[in-house]
N, C-alpha and C. Protein backbone atom coordinates (compact mmCIF):
# COMPACT_ATOMS: atom_id res chain seq x y z
N MET A 1 137.19 31.31 -43.10
CA MET A 1 138.39 30.75 -43.66
C MET A 1 139.63 31.28 -43.17
N SER A 2 140.63 30.27 -43.10
CA SER A 2 141.76 30.36 -42.19
C SER A 2 142.82 31.25 -43.07
N VAL A 3 143.76 31.60 -42.26
CA VAL A 3 144.42 32.86 -42.59
C VAL A 3 145.43 32.27 -43.65
N SER A 4 146.08 31.02 -43.51
CA SER A 4 147.06 30.62 -44.52
C SER A 4 146.10 30.56 -46.02
N ARG A 5 144.73 30.43 -46.06
CA ARG A 5 144.05 30.26 -47.45
C ARG A 5 143.89 31.67 -47.58
N MET A 6 143.61 32.62 -47.11
CA MET A 6 143.08 33.97 -46.99
C MET A 6 144.76 34.49 -47.77
N GLU A 7 145.74 34.18 -47.22
CA GLU A 7 146.68 34.64 -47.82
C GLU A 7 147.25 34.24 -49.36
N ARG A 8 146.99 32.70 -49.44
CA ARG A 8 147.06 32.04 -50.86
C ARG A 8 146.05 32.75 -51.65
N VAL A 9 144.95 32.91 -51.49
CA VAL A 9 144.06 33.95 -52.31
C VAL A 9 144.56 35.25 -52.72
N ASN A 10 144.87 35.80 -51.48
CA ASN A 10 145.18 37.22 -52.23
C ASN A 10 146.90 37.11 -52.81
N SER A 11 147.45 36.29 -52.53
CA SER A 11 148.57 36.08 -53.56
C SER A 11 148.53 35.50 -55.06
N LEU A 12 147.54 34.47 -54.65
CA LEU A 12 146.93 34.37 -56.39
C LEU A 12 146.48 35.47 -57.26
N LEU A 13 145.59 36.34 -56.35
CA LEU A 13 144.93 37.37 -57.22
C LEU A 13 145.81 38.54 -57.49
N ARG A 14 147.15 38.53 -56.67
CA ARG A 14 148.17 39.56 -56.89
C ARG A 14 148.72 39.13 -58.07
N ARG A 15 148.83 37.99 -58.17
CA ARG A 15 149.76 37.54 -59.70
C ARG A 15 148.80 37.44 -60.88
N VAL A 16 147.57 37.10 -60.62
CA VAL A 16 146.90 37.36 -62.06
C VAL A 16 146.57 38.52 -62.57
N ILE A 17 146.49 39.26 -61.46
CA ILE A 17 146.27 40.88 -61.74
C ILE A 17 147.43 41.34 -62.44
N ALA A 18 149.02 41.02 -61.61
CA ALA A 18 150.10 41.70 -62.06
C ALA A 18 150.44 40.99 -63.82
N GLU A 19 150.25 39.57 -63.67
CA GLU A 19 150.54 39.24 -65.12
C GLU A 19 149.19 39.88 -66.11
N SER A 20 148.20 39.98 -65.81
CA SER A 20 147.27 40.65 -66.99
C SER A 20 147.61 41.97 -67.29
N MET A 21 148.30 42.67 -66.25
CA MET A 21 148.47 44.05 -66.21
C MET A 21 149.02 44.91 -67.79
N PHE A 22 150.15 43.90 -68.44
CA PHE A 22 150.28 44.43 -69.58
C PHE A 22 149.41 44.53 -70.87
N SER A 23 148.54 43.12 -71.02
CA SER A 23 147.68 43.29 -71.90
C SER A 23 146.40 44.23 -71.70
N ILE A 24 145.98 44.23 -70.55
CA ILE A 24 144.89 45.32 -70.17
C ILE A 24 145.11 46.61 -70.27
N MET A 25 146.51 47.14 -69.79
CA MET A 25 146.45 48.30 -69.62
C MET A 25 147.61 48.95 -70.97
N GLN A 26 147.66 48.16 -71.91
CA GLN A 26 148.36 48.73 -73.15
C GLN A 26 147.66 49.67 -73.83
N GLY A 27 148.84 50.61 -74.23
CA GLY A 27 147.70 51.73 -75.01
C GLY A 27 147.61 52.80 -74.38
N GLY A 28 147.95 53.81 -74.30
CA GLY A 28 147.33 54.76 -73.35
C GLY A 28 148.45 55.85 -73.09
N GLU A 29 148.33 56.78 -72.03
CA GLU A 29 148.88 57.73 -71.59
C GLU A 29 150.08 56.77 -70.38
N VAL A 30 149.41 55.98 -69.76
CA VAL A 30 150.35 55.30 -68.52
C VAL A 30 150.74 53.98 -68.86
N THR A 31 152.22 53.81 -69.00
CA THR A 31 152.36 52.54 -69.76
C THR A 31 152.45 51.29 -68.49
N PRO A 32 151.87 50.12 -68.90
CA PRO A 32 151.74 49.29 -67.92
C PRO A 32 153.11 49.09 -66.89
N GLY A 33 154.44 49.23 -67.80
CA GLY A 33 155.95 49.15 -66.89
C GLY A 33 155.91 50.00 -65.82
N LEU A 34 154.98 50.84 -65.66
CA LEU A 34 155.42 52.03 -64.79
C LEU A 34 154.23 51.51 -63.59
N ILE A 35 153.47 50.69 -63.66
CA ILE A 35 152.50 50.20 -62.76
C ILE A 35 152.66 48.78 -61.76
N THR A 36 153.09 48.91 -60.53
CA THR A 36 153.21 47.56 -60.10
C THR A 36 152.23 47.28 -58.78
N VAL A 37 151.78 46.08 -59.11
CA VAL A 37 150.69 45.73 -57.82
C VAL A 37 151.84 45.27 -56.47
N THR A 38 151.45 45.74 -55.60
CA THR A 38 152.24 45.71 -54.30
C THR A 38 151.32 44.68 -53.37
N GLY A 39 150.10 44.46 -53.57
CA GLY A 39 149.32 43.81 -52.67
C GLY A 39 147.73 43.50 -53.15
N VAL A 40 147.41 42.41 -52.44
CA VAL A 40 145.89 42.61 -52.63
C VAL A 40 145.29 41.83 -51.19
N SER A 41 144.29 42.63 -50.91
CA SER A 41 143.61 42.34 -49.55
C SER A 41 142.30 41.86 -49.93
N CYS A 42 141.99 40.63 -49.63
CA CYS A 42 140.27 40.02 -50.10
C CYS A 42 139.45 40.34 -48.60
N GLY A 43 138.29 40.68 -48.94
CA GLY A 43 137.49 40.73 -47.72
C GLY A 43 137.35 39.16 -47.10
N SER A 44 136.81 38.98 -46.12
CA SER A 44 136.59 37.45 -45.37
C SER A 44 135.71 36.73 -46.51
N ASP A 45 134.63 37.71 -47.08
CA ASP A 45 133.62 36.94 -47.74
C ASP A 45 133.96 36.82 -49.46
N LEU A 46 135.44 37.19 -49.83
CA LEU A 46 135.46 37.20 -50.96
C LEU A 46 134.82 37.82 -52.15
N ARG A 47 134.16 38.60 -51.57
CA ARG A 47 133.25 39.54 -52.64
C ARG A 47 134.25 40.86 -52.96
N ASP A 48 134.80 41.34 -52.14
CA ASP A 48 135.74 42.74 -52.44
C ASP A 48 137.05 42.24 -52.64
N ALA A 49 138.03 43.12 -53.00
CA ALA A 49 139.21 43.00 -52.77
C ALA A 49 140.08 44.25 -52.85
N THR A 50 140.66 44.79 -52.22
CA THR A 50 141.87 45.79 -52.64
C THR A 50 142.87 45.63 -53.01
N VAL A 51 143.25 46.24 -54.07
CA VAL A 51 144.44 46.08 -54.91
C VAL A 51 145.36 47.27 -54.60
N GLY A 52 146.55 47.08 -54.02
CA GLY A 52 147.67 48.23 -53.66
C GLY A 52 148.49 48.59 -55.10
N ILE A 53 148.50 49.44 -55.38
CA ILE A 53 149.45 49.58 -56.67
C ILE A 53 150.35 50.74 -56.53
N SER A 54 151.47 50.50 -57.12
CA SER A 54 152.59 51.63 -56.91
C SER A 54 152.50 52.17 -58.49
N VAL A 55 153.11 53.34 -58.78
CA VAL A 55 153.13 53.69 -59.88
C VAL A 55 154.47 54.76 -59.96
N PHE A 56 155.19 54.46 -60.86
CA PHE A 56 156.44 55.59 -61.15
C PHE A 56 156.31 56.71 -61.96
N GLY A 57 156.21 58.05 -61.32
CA GLY A 57 156.03 58.89 -62.00
C GLY A 57 155.27 60.11 -61.10
N ASP A 58 155.48 61.11 -61.48
CA ASP A 58 154.51 62.57 -60.66
C ASP A 58 153.04 62.09 -60.28
N ASP A 59 152.75 63.05 -59.65
CA ASP A 59 151.47 62.84 -59.17
C ASP A 59 150.22 62.91 -60.13
N ALA A 60 150.14 63.59 -61.31
CA ALA A 60 149.41 63.45 -62.44
C ALA A 60 148.95 62.28 -62.79
N LEU A 61 150.63 61.66 -63.39
CA LEU A 61 150.75 60.37 -63.84
C LEU A 61 149.95 59.08 -62.94
N LYS A 62 150.08 59.19 -61.60
CA LYS A 62 149.49 58.59 -60.43
C LYS A 62 147.99 58.54 -60.53
N ARG A 63 147.38 59.54 -60.75
CA ARG A 63 145.90 59.94 -60.87
C ARG A 63 145.25 59.54 -62.15
N LYS A 64 146.39 59.58 -63.29
CA LYS A 64 145.95 59.07 -64.36
C LYS A 64 145.69 57.69 -64.30
N ALA A 65 146.64 57.04 -63.95
CA ALA A 65 147.00 55.52 -63.96
C ALA A 65 145.79 54.91 -62.91
N LEU A 66 145.23 55.49 -61.87
CA LEU A 66 144.43 55.14 -61.04
C LEU A 66 143.07 55.00 -61.78
N GLU A 67 142.70 56.34 -62.14
CA GLU A 67 141.88 56.21 -63.07
C GLU A 67 141.34 55.32 -64.05
N ARG A 68 142.50 55.08 -65.11
CA ARG A 68 142.51 54.20 -65.98
C ARG A 68 142.27 52.52 -65.70
N LEU A 69 143.18 52.62 -64.33
CA LEU A 69 142.78 51.27 -63.68
C LEU A 69 141.28 50.69 -63.13
N LYS A 70 140.68 52.08 -62.61
CA LYS A 70 139.43 51.68 -61.82
C LYS A 70 138.47 51.68 -63.42
N LYS A 71 138.85 52.02 -64.24
CA LYS A 71 137.63 51.85 -65.50
C LYS A 71 137.97 50.89 -66.06
N ALA A 72 139.32 50.08 -66.03
CA ALA A 72 139.69 48.68 -66.40
C ALA A 72 139.41 47.36 -65.31
N ALA A 73 138.54 47.95 -64.25
CA ALA A 73 138.38 46.74 -62.95
C ALA A 73 137.38 45.55 -63.78
N PRO A 74 136.36 46.01 -64.45
CA PRO A 74 135.92 45.05 -64.90
C PRO A 74 136.52 43.74 -65.94
N ARG A 75 137.53 44.34 -66.66
CA ARG A 75 138.42 43.57 -67.39
C ARG A 75 139.33 42.80 -66.56
N PHE A 76 139.79 43.28 -65.68
CA PHE A 76 140.66 42.32 -64.68
C PHE A 76 139.92 41.36 -64.00
N GLN A 77 138.65 41.89 -63.71
CA GLN A 77 137.64 40.49 -63.00
C GLN A 77 137.23 39.64 -63.92
N ALA A 78 137.05 40.04 -65.02
CA ALA A 78 136.91 38.88 -66.34
C ALA A 78 137.94 38.06 -66.29
N VAL A 79 139.38 38.47 -66.32
CA VAL A 79 140.53 37.30 -66.28
C VAL A 79 140.44 36.75 -64.87
N ILE A 80 140.14 37.10 -63.85
CA ILE A 80 140.06 36.51 -62.70
C ILE A 80 139.06 35.64 -62.65
N ASN A 81 138.23 35.89 -63.07
CA ASN A 81 136.64 35.00 -63.15
C ASN A 81 137.43 33.73 -64.14
N ARG A 82 138.13 33.99 -65.54
CA ARG A 82 138.14 32.76 -66.23
C ARG A 82 139.49 31.93 -65.54
N GLU A 83 140.38 32.71 -64.76
CA GLU A 83 141.73 31.88 -64.39
C GLU A 83 141.70 31.43 -62.99
N VAL A 84 140.91 32.11 -62.31
CA VAL A 84 140.82 31.64 -60.58
C VAL A 84 139.21 30.81 -60.62
N ARG A 85 139.31 29.73 -59.63
CA ARG A 85 138.20 28.94 -59.53
C ARG A 85 137.82 29.57 -58.00
N LEU A 86 136.84 30.17 -57.97
CA LEU A 86 136.64 31.13 -56.37
C LEU A 86 134.84 30.78 -56.47
N LYS A 87 134.36 30.82 -55.59
CA LYS A 87 132.76 31.25 -55.10
C LYS A 87 132.49 32.56 -55.95
N TYR A 88 133.11 33.08 -55.64
CA TYR A 88 132.53 34.77 -55.99
C TYR A 88 133.84 35.44 -56.70
N THR A 89 133.56 36.14 -57.77
CA THR A 89 134.54 36.84 -58.28
C THR A 89 134.96 38.19 -57.96
N PRO A 90 135.77 38.68 -56.90
CA PRO A 90 135.63 39.88 -56.14
C PRO A 90 135.60 41.20 -56.95
N ARG A 91 134.75 41.92 -56.41
CA ARG A 91 134.91 43.19 -56.91
C ARG A 91 136.38 44.01 -56.49
N LEU A 92 136.83 44.69 -57.57
CA LEU A 92 138.42 45.10 -57.37
C LEU A 92 138.27 46.51 -57.11
N LEU A 93 138.67 47.01 -55.92
CA LEU A 93 138.76 48.45 -55.84
C LEU A 93 140.52 48.65 -55.67
N PHE A 94 141.05 49.63 -56.43
CA PHE A 94 142.59 50.11 -56.60
C PHE A 94 142.80 51.23 -55.76
N LYS A 95 143.76 51.09 -54.69
CA LYS A 95 144.37 52.04 -54.06
C LYS A 95 145.80 52.25 -54.59
N LEU A 96 145.89 53.69 -54.15
CA LEU A 96 147.50 53.95 -54.39
C LEU A 96 148.15 53.61 -53.59
N ASP A 97 149.42 53.15 -53.48
CA ASP A 97 150.36 52.26 -52.12
C ASP A 97 151.76 53.11 -52.17
N ASN A 98 152.20 54.05 -51.40
CA ASN A 98 153.08 54.84 -51.60
C ASN A 98 154.22 54.10 -50.76
N SER A 99 153.98 53.13 -50.48
CA SER A 99 155.24 52.34 -49.52
C SER A 99 156.38 51.94 -49.98
N LEU A 100 156.72 51.99 -51.25
CA LEU A 100 157.92 51.77 -52.22
C LEU A 100 158.69 52.99 -52.11
N GLU A 101 157.62 54.16 -52.20
CA GLU A 101 158.51 55.42 -52.60
C GLU A 101 159.33 55.85 -50.86
N LYS A 102 158.05 55.45 -49.98
CA LYS A 102 158.85 55.81 -48.50
C LYS A 102 159.87 54.84 -48.27
N GLY A 103 160.09 53.61 -48.92
CA GLY A 103 161.04 53.01 -48.99
C GLY A 103 162.49 53.44 -49.45
N ASP A 104 162.28 54.06 -50.41
CA ASP A 104 163.32 54.36 -51.34
C ASP A 104 163.63 55.90 -50.54
N GLU A 105 162.90 56.64 -49.98
CA GLU A 105 163.37 57.60 -49.25
C GLU A 105 164.18 57.53 -48.18
N VAL A 106 164.06 56.21 -47.42
CA VAL A 106 164.81 55.81 -46.17
C VAL A 106 165.92 55.59 -46.65
N LEU A 107 165.99 54.59 -47.69
CA LEU A 107 167.30 54.10 -48.45
C LEU A 107 168.03 55.02 -48.90
N ALA A 108 167.50 56.55 -49.29
CA ALA A 108 168.45 57.25 -49.61
C ALA A 108 169.26 58.39 -48.32
N ILE A 109 167.85 58.30 -47.18
CA ILE A 109 168.76 58.89 -46.01
C ILE A 109 169.78 58.08 -45.65
N ILE A 110 169.81 56.59 -45.49
CA ILE A 110 170.80 55.79 -45.07
C ILE A 110 171.97 56.01 -45.92
N SER A 111 171.87 55.97 -47.12
CA SER A 111 172.91 56.25 -47.98
C SER A 111 173.66 57.64 -47.65
N LYS A 112 172.85 58.59 -47.78
CA LYS A 112 173.64 59.96 -47.16
C LYS A 112 174.12 59.92 -46.04
N LEU A 113 173.48 59.37 -45.01
CA LEU A 113 174.16 59.21 -43.71
C LEU A 113 175.83 58.54 -43.85
N GLU A 114 175.65 57.24 -44.59
CA GLU A 114 177.07 56.59 -44.84
C GLU A 114 177.87 57.58 -45.08
N GLN A 115 177.52 58.31 -46.41
CA GLN A 115 178.42 59.14 -47.05
C GLN A 115 179.06 60.33 -46.05
N ASN A 116 178.31 60.55 -45.24
CA ASN A 116 178.51 61.56 -44.25
C ASN A 116 179.48 61.12 -43.21
N GLU A 117 179.80 59.88 -43.16
CA GLU A 117 180.62 59.04 -41.99
C GLU A 117 181.54 59.07 -42.56
N GLU A 118 181.60 58.62 -43.73
CA GLU A 118 183.06 58.30 -44.41
C GLU A 118 183.73 59.77 -44.74
N ALA A 119 183.25 60.86 -44.85
CA ALA A 119 183.58 61.95 -45.17
C ALA A 119 184.28 62.71 -43.96
């Protein structure tokens, strides 16, 4: 499978998962607005997909969100099966992605340095 096709499949799965997040994750301790789908990486055989998520909150909230997403994986797979035409519906593995938090830390450091230079 060509790289561009894999990128399109990953992007399509990311969009479908993100759009269905609100309806599937509604009700519970973790509100869907606190969860961001940062990326999807499908295996070359399209049988498995790793979904990167970022959760706004403390570590306890992140653990709860990850557990809830793992339990809801079959519901996400059902939505993918209904909306995306693929030979196989990939099994979803949700993993915490801290890249957004690291980016915020870098921006805070840069902002602090800029303030020190002005002073």
